[in-house]
Amino acid sequence: MIAARLTFQGKDAGTLGRAIGPDNLPEMDMKAEGEHLKFEFSVQKIGTMLATLDDLLMNLKIAEETLVCGEER
C-alpha cells in the first residue's frame, strides 16, 4: 500500500475543493479548512499513485484557471 497526504494553500481552497470533488477517487479523503485544501489517499501501485497525482494536479490547475478567468470578468 502506498499512501499520500497533500496540502494546498490558497485563499480559494474551499472553492477549488468543491470544483474538483466529483473527480476524486471514492477512497480519497478531501477536506477544506480555511485556506488549506487537504487530501489523503492510498493506492496499491506506484503507477496508480503517479496517475492519481497527475489527475489531481491537472484538475486543480484547470479549476484555478477557471476561477481566475471568472474573477477577471
C-alpha atoms as a PDB file:
ATOM      1  CA  MET A   1       0.000   0.000   0.000  1.00  0.00           C
ATOM      2  CA  ILE A   2       1.285   3.462  -0.929  1.00  0.00           C
ATOM      3  CA  ALA A   3      -0.211   6.456   0.895  1.00  0.00           C
ATOM      4  CA  ALA A   4      -0.143  10.175   0.141  1.00  0.00           C
ATOM      5  CA  ARG A   5      -1.032  13.244   2.155  1.00  0.00           C
ATOM      6  CA  LEU A   6      -1.100  16.565   0.313  1.00  0.00           C
ATOM      7  CA  THR A   7      -1.923  20.073   1.482  1.00  0.00           C
ATOM      8  CA  PHE A   8      -2.514  23.002  -0.844  1.00  0.00           C
ATOM      9  CA  GLN A   9      -2.757  26.532   0.478  1.00  0.00           C
ATOM     10  CA  GLY A  10      -4.633  29.446  -1.033  1.00  0.00           C
ATOM     11  CA  LYS A  11      -7.495  31.828  -0.398  1.00  0.00           C
ATOM     12  CA  ASP A  12      -9.868  29.855  -2.639  1.00  0.00           C
ATOM     13  CA  ALA A  13      -9.146  26.397  -1.205  1.00  0.00           C
ATOM     14  CA  GLY A  14     -12.780  25.599  -0.438  1.00  0.00           C
ATOM     15  CA  THR A  15     -13.998  26.704  -3.857  1.00  0.00           C
ATOM     16  CA  LEU A  16     -11.336  24.651  -5.627  1.00  0.00           C
ATOM     17  CA  GLY A  17     -12.180  21.633  -3.484  1.00  0.00           C
ATOM     18  CA  ARG A  18     -15.861  21.837  -4.410  1.00  0.00           C
ATOM     19  CA  ALA A  19     -14.949  22.221  -8.085  1.00  0.00           C
ATOM     20  CA  ILE A  20     -12.833  19.073  -8.268  1.00  0.00           C
ATOM     21  CA  GLY A  21     -14.690  16.966  -5.692  1.00  0.00           C
ATOM     22  CA  PRO A  22     -16.695  14.926  -8.226  1.00  0.00           C
ATOM     23  CA  ASP A  23     -13.441  13.722  -9.854  1.00  0.00           C
ATOM     24  CA  ASN A  24     -11.934  12.347  -6.640  1.00  0.00           C
ATOM     25  CA  LEU A  25     -11.461   8.640  -6.057  1.00  0.00           C
ATOM     26  CA  PRO A  26     -14.022   7.058  -3.716  1.00  0.00           C
ATOM     27  CA  GLU A  27     -11.263   6.275  -1.194  1.00  0.00           C
ATOM     28  CA  MET A  28      -9.790   9.816  -1.368  1.00  0.00           C
ATOM     29  CA  ASP A  29     -10.413  11.957   1.688  1.00  0.00           C
ATOM     30  CA  MET A  30     -10.543  15.699   0.955  1.00  0.00           C
ATOM     31  CA  LYS A  31     -11.050  18.486   3.487  1.00  0.00           C
ATOM     32  CA  ALA A  32     -11.073  22.230   3.034  1.00  0.00           C
ATOM     33  CA  GLU A  33     -10.038  24.006   6.238  1.00  0.00           C
ATOM     34  CA  GLY A  34      -9.734  27.765   5.896  1.00  0.00           C
ATOM     35  CA  GLU A  35      -7.064  28.429   3.298  1.00  0.00           C
ATOM     36  CA  HIS A  36      -5.922  24.789   3.200  1.00  0.00           C
ATOM     37  CA  LEU A  37      -7.151  22.001   0.951  1.00  0.00           C
ATOM     38  CA  LYS A  38      -6.036  18.608   2.246  1.00  0.00           C
ATOM     39  CA  PHE A  39      -6.053  15.242   0.510  1.00  0.00           C
ATOM     40  CA  GLU A  40      -5.307  11.772   1.855  1.00  0.00           C
ATOM     41  CA  PHE A  41      -5.474   8.585  -0.170  1.00  0.00           C
ATOM     42  CA  SER A  42      -3.746   5.283  -0.723  1.00  0.00           C
ATOM     43  CA  VAL A  43      -3.268   3.014  -3.728  1.00  0.00           C
ATOM     44  CA  GLN A  44      -1.731  -0.373  -4.435  1.00  0.00           C
ATOM     45  CA  LYS A  45       0.706   0.520  -7.228  1.00  0.00           C
ATOM     46  CA  ILE A  46       3.169   3.363  -7.808  1.00  0.00           C
ATOM     47  CA  GLY A  47       1.826   3.830 -11.348  1.00  0.00           C
ATOM     48  CA  THR A  48      -1.643   4.403  -9.941  1.00  0.00           C
ATOM     49  CA  MET A  49      -0.208   6.932  -7.474  1.00  0.00           C
ATOM     50  CA  LEU A  50       1.532   8.854 -10.245  1.00  0.00           C
ATOM     51  CA  ALA A  51      -1.591   8.874 -12.430  1.00  0.00           C
ATOM     52  CA  THR A  52      -3.749   9.992  -9.492  1.00  0.00           C
ATOM     53  CA  LEU A  53      -1.373  12.817  -8.581  1.00  0.00           C
ATOM     54  CA  ASP A  54      -1.199  13.918 -12.201  1.00  0.00           C
ATOM     55  CA  ASP A  55      -5.001  13.982 -12.473  1.00  0.00           C
ATOM     56  CA  LEU A  56      -5.365  15.814  -9.171  1.00  0.00           C
ATOM     57  CA  LEU A  57      -2.834  18.492 -10.078  1.00  0.00           C
ATOM     58  CA  MET A  58      -4.313  18.997 -13.546  1.00  0.00           C
ATOM     59  CA  ASN A  59      -7.832  19.283 -12.132  1.00  0.00           C
ATOM     60  CA  LEU A  60      -6.664  21.851  -9.568  1.00  0.00           C
ATOM     61  CA  LYS A  61      -4.862  23.818 -12.281  1.00  0.00           C
ATOM     62  CA  ILE A  62      -7.935  23.924 -14.509  1.00  0.00           C
ATOM     63  CA  ALA A  63     -10.235  24.841 -11.606  1.00  0.00           C
ATOM     64  CA  GLU A  64      -7.890  27.638 -10.522  1.00  0.00           C
ATOM     65  CA  GLU A  65      -7.593  28.999 -14.078  1.00  0.00           C
ATOM     66  CA  THR A  66     -11.382  28.959 -14.418  1.00  0.00           C
ATOM     67  CA  LEU A  67     -11.783  30.781 -11.119  1.00  0.00           C
ATOM     68  CA  VAL A  68      -9.234  33.450 -12.098  1.00  0.00           C
ATOM     69  CA  CYS A  69     -10.890  33.867 -15.509  1.00  0.00           C
ATOM     70  CA  GLY A  70     -14.277  34.399 -13.826  1.00  0.00           C
ATOM     71  CA  GLU A  71     -12.809  36.984 -11.445  1.00  0.00           C
ATOM     72  CA  GLU A  72     -11.357  38.968 -14.346  1.00  0.00           C
ATOM     73  CA  ARG A  73     -14.771  39.420 -15.956  1.00  0.00           C
END
